[in-house]
Amino acid sequence: MNTMETKITLDESWLQIISLSKNLLSCTQNGNWENTDELSRERHEKIVKHFRLFPVSAENALINQKNMAEFTKIEKNINTEIELEKKKLASESALIKNQRLAAIAYAPSQT
């Protein structure tokens, strides 16, 4: 840990992770994919740092269990939003491909 960093508690660390997760969910719901990528990276770093600073133990098991439940719920919603967007993009891509193929098939012959 950098000596310039302030000490953070287990609860504060979870609050940061949950907050980033909620922001990430909001970005996915609003189609803000640039911020989604940035927040995903930041959240990943926070999670890695969290478990480095606060390894799972009997002393923090209940706090981790409560927060992991909330984290998992948000994560499921994030993944649902991503899957919906992937289906939307696949559908749009197929439509564009079909329109292009139709345009080629019905184009006047160049002979």
Protein backbone atom coordinates (compact mmCIF):
# COMPACT_ATOMS: atom_id res chain seq x y z
CA MET A 1 0.00 0.00 0.00
CA ASN A 2 1.31 3.44 -0.89
CA THR A 3 2.24 5.44 2.19
CA MET A 4 0.36 8.40 0.71
CA GLU A 5 -2.90 6.43 0.64
CA THR A 6 -5.27 6.82 3.53
CA LYS A 7 -6.32 3.79 5.50
CA ILE A 8 -9.64 2.38 4.38
CA THR A 9 -11.96 0.15 6.38
CA LEU A 10 -13.55 -3.06 5.17
CA ASP A 11 -16.96 -1.36 5.03
CA GLU A 12 -15.60 1.63 3.11
CA SER A 13 -13.93 -0.66 0.62
CA TRP A 14 -17.19 -2.53 0.01
CA LEU A 15 -19.06 0.76 -0.34
CA GLN A 16 -16.65 1.80 -3.08
CA ILE A 17 -17.03 -1.52 -4.90
CA ILE A 18 -20.84 -1.43 -4.66
CA SER A 19 -20.92 2.20 -5.76
CA LEU A 20 -18.75 1.44 -8.80
CA SER A 21 -20.98 -1.54 -9.59
CA LYS A 22 -24.11 0.61 -9.46
CA ASN A 23 -22.46 3.21 -11.72
CA LEU A 24 -21.45 0.43 -14.08
CA LEU A 25 -25.02 -0.86 -14.17
CA SER A 26 -26.30 2.64 -14.91
CA CYS A 27 -23.84 2.98 -17.79
CA THR A 28 -24.92 -0.33 -19.30
CA GLN A 29 -28.58 0.61 -18.98
CA ASN A 30 -27.91 3.91 -20.74
CA GLY A 31 -25.66 2.46 -23.44
CA ASN A 32 -22.69 4.46 -22.24
CA TRP A 33 -20.12 1.87 -23.37
CA GLU A 34 -17.04 4.09 -23.14
CA ASN A 35 -17.64 4.69 -19.45
CA THR A 36 -18.62 1.05 -18.98
CA ASP A 37 -15.16 -0.06 -20.07
CA GLU A 38 -13.43 2.49 -17.84
CA LEU A 39 -15.58 1.67 -14.80
CA SER A 40 -15.08 -2.07 -15.33
CA ARG A 41 -11.34 -1.65 -15.16
CA GLU A 42 -11.53 0.61 -12.11
CA ARG A 43 -13.89 -1.76 -10.32
CA HIS A 44 -11.68 -4.74 -11.09
CA GLU A 45 -8.70 -2.94 -9.57
CA LYS A 46 -10.75 -2.06 -6.46
CA ILE A 47 -11.86 -5.67 -6.04
CA VAL A 48 -8.31 -7.01 -6.35
CA LYS A 49 -7.05 -4.40 -3.89
CA HIS A 50 -9.95 -5.11 -1.53
CA PHE A 51 -9.17 -8.81 -1.20
CA ARG A 52 -5.45 -8.09 -0.93
CA LEU A 53 -6.11 -5.72 1.98
CA PHE A 54 -8.92 -7.74 3.52
CA PRO A 55 -8.41 -11.48 2.94
CA VAL A 56 -11.51 -13.53 3.66
CA SER A 57 -11.50 -14.73 7.25
CA ALA A 58 -13.89 -15.76 9.98
CA GLU A 59 -13.78 -12.20 11.35
CA ASN A 60 -15.10 -10.61 8.17
CA ALA A 61 -17.19 -13.45 6.78
CA LEU A 62 -20.59 -11.91 7.60
CA ILE A 63 -19.68 -8.51 6.15
CA ASN A 64 -18.32 -10.17 3.00
CA GLN A 65 -21.38 -12.41 2.70
CA LYS A 66 -23.79 -9.46 2.93
CA ASN A 67 -21.85 -7.36 0.44
CA MET A 68 -21.18 -10.23 -1.96
CA ALA A 69 -24.93 -10.84 -2.13
CA GLU A 70 -25.52 -7.24 -3.20
CA PHE A 71 -22.52 -7.29 -5.55
CA THR A 72 -23.76 -10.52 -7.18
CA LYS A 73 -27.25 -9.09 -7.65
CA ILE A 74 -25.89 -5.98 -9.38
CA GLU A 75 -23.46 -8.08 -11.44
CA LYS A 76 -26.34 -10.25 -12.67
CA ASN A 77 -28.20 -7.12 -13.80
CA ILE A 78 -25.08 -5.81 -15.55
CA ASN A 79 -24.69 -9.11 -17.41
CA THR A 80 -28.37 -9.06 -18.39
CA GLU A 81 -27.97 -5.57 -19.87
CA ILE A 82 -24.86 -6.65 -21.78
CA GLU A 83 -26.61 -9.72 -23.17
CA LEU A 84 -29.58 -7.61 -24.29
CA GLU A 85 -27.22 -5.21 -26.06
CA LYS A 86 -25.38 -8.09 -27.75
CA LYS A 87 -28.70 -9.50 -29.04
CA LYS A 88 -29.72 -6.05 -30.27
CA LEU A 89 -26.42 -5.61 -32.10
CA ALA A 90 -26.62 -9.09 -33.62
CA SER A 91 -30.15 -8.38 -34.83
CA GLU A 92 -29.14 -5.02 -36.32
CA SER A 93 -26.11 -6.61 -37.96
CA ALA A 94 -28.24 -9.37 -39.52
CA LEU A 95 -30.73 -6.79 -40.81
CA ILE A 96 -27.96 -4.75 -42.45
CA LYS A 97 -26.48 -7.89 -44.01
CA ASN A 98 -29.87 -8.97 -45.36
CA GLN A 99 -30.55 -5.51 -46.77
CA ARG A 100 -27.16 -5.53 -48.50
CA LEU A 101 -27.76 -9.00 -49.95
CA ALA A 102 -31.22 -7.95 -51.16
CA ALA A 103 -29.78 -4.83 -52.79
CA ILE A 104 -27.19 -6.96 -54.60
CA ALA A 105 -29.73 -9.58 -55.66
CA TYR A 106 -32.16 -7.01 -57.07
CA ALA A 107 -29.59 -4.66 -58.57
CA PRO A 108 -29.84 -4.22 -62.32
CA SER A 109 -27.51 -6.53 -64.17
CA GLN A 110 -24.28 -4.94 -65.36
CA THR A 111 -23.97 -7.17 -68.48
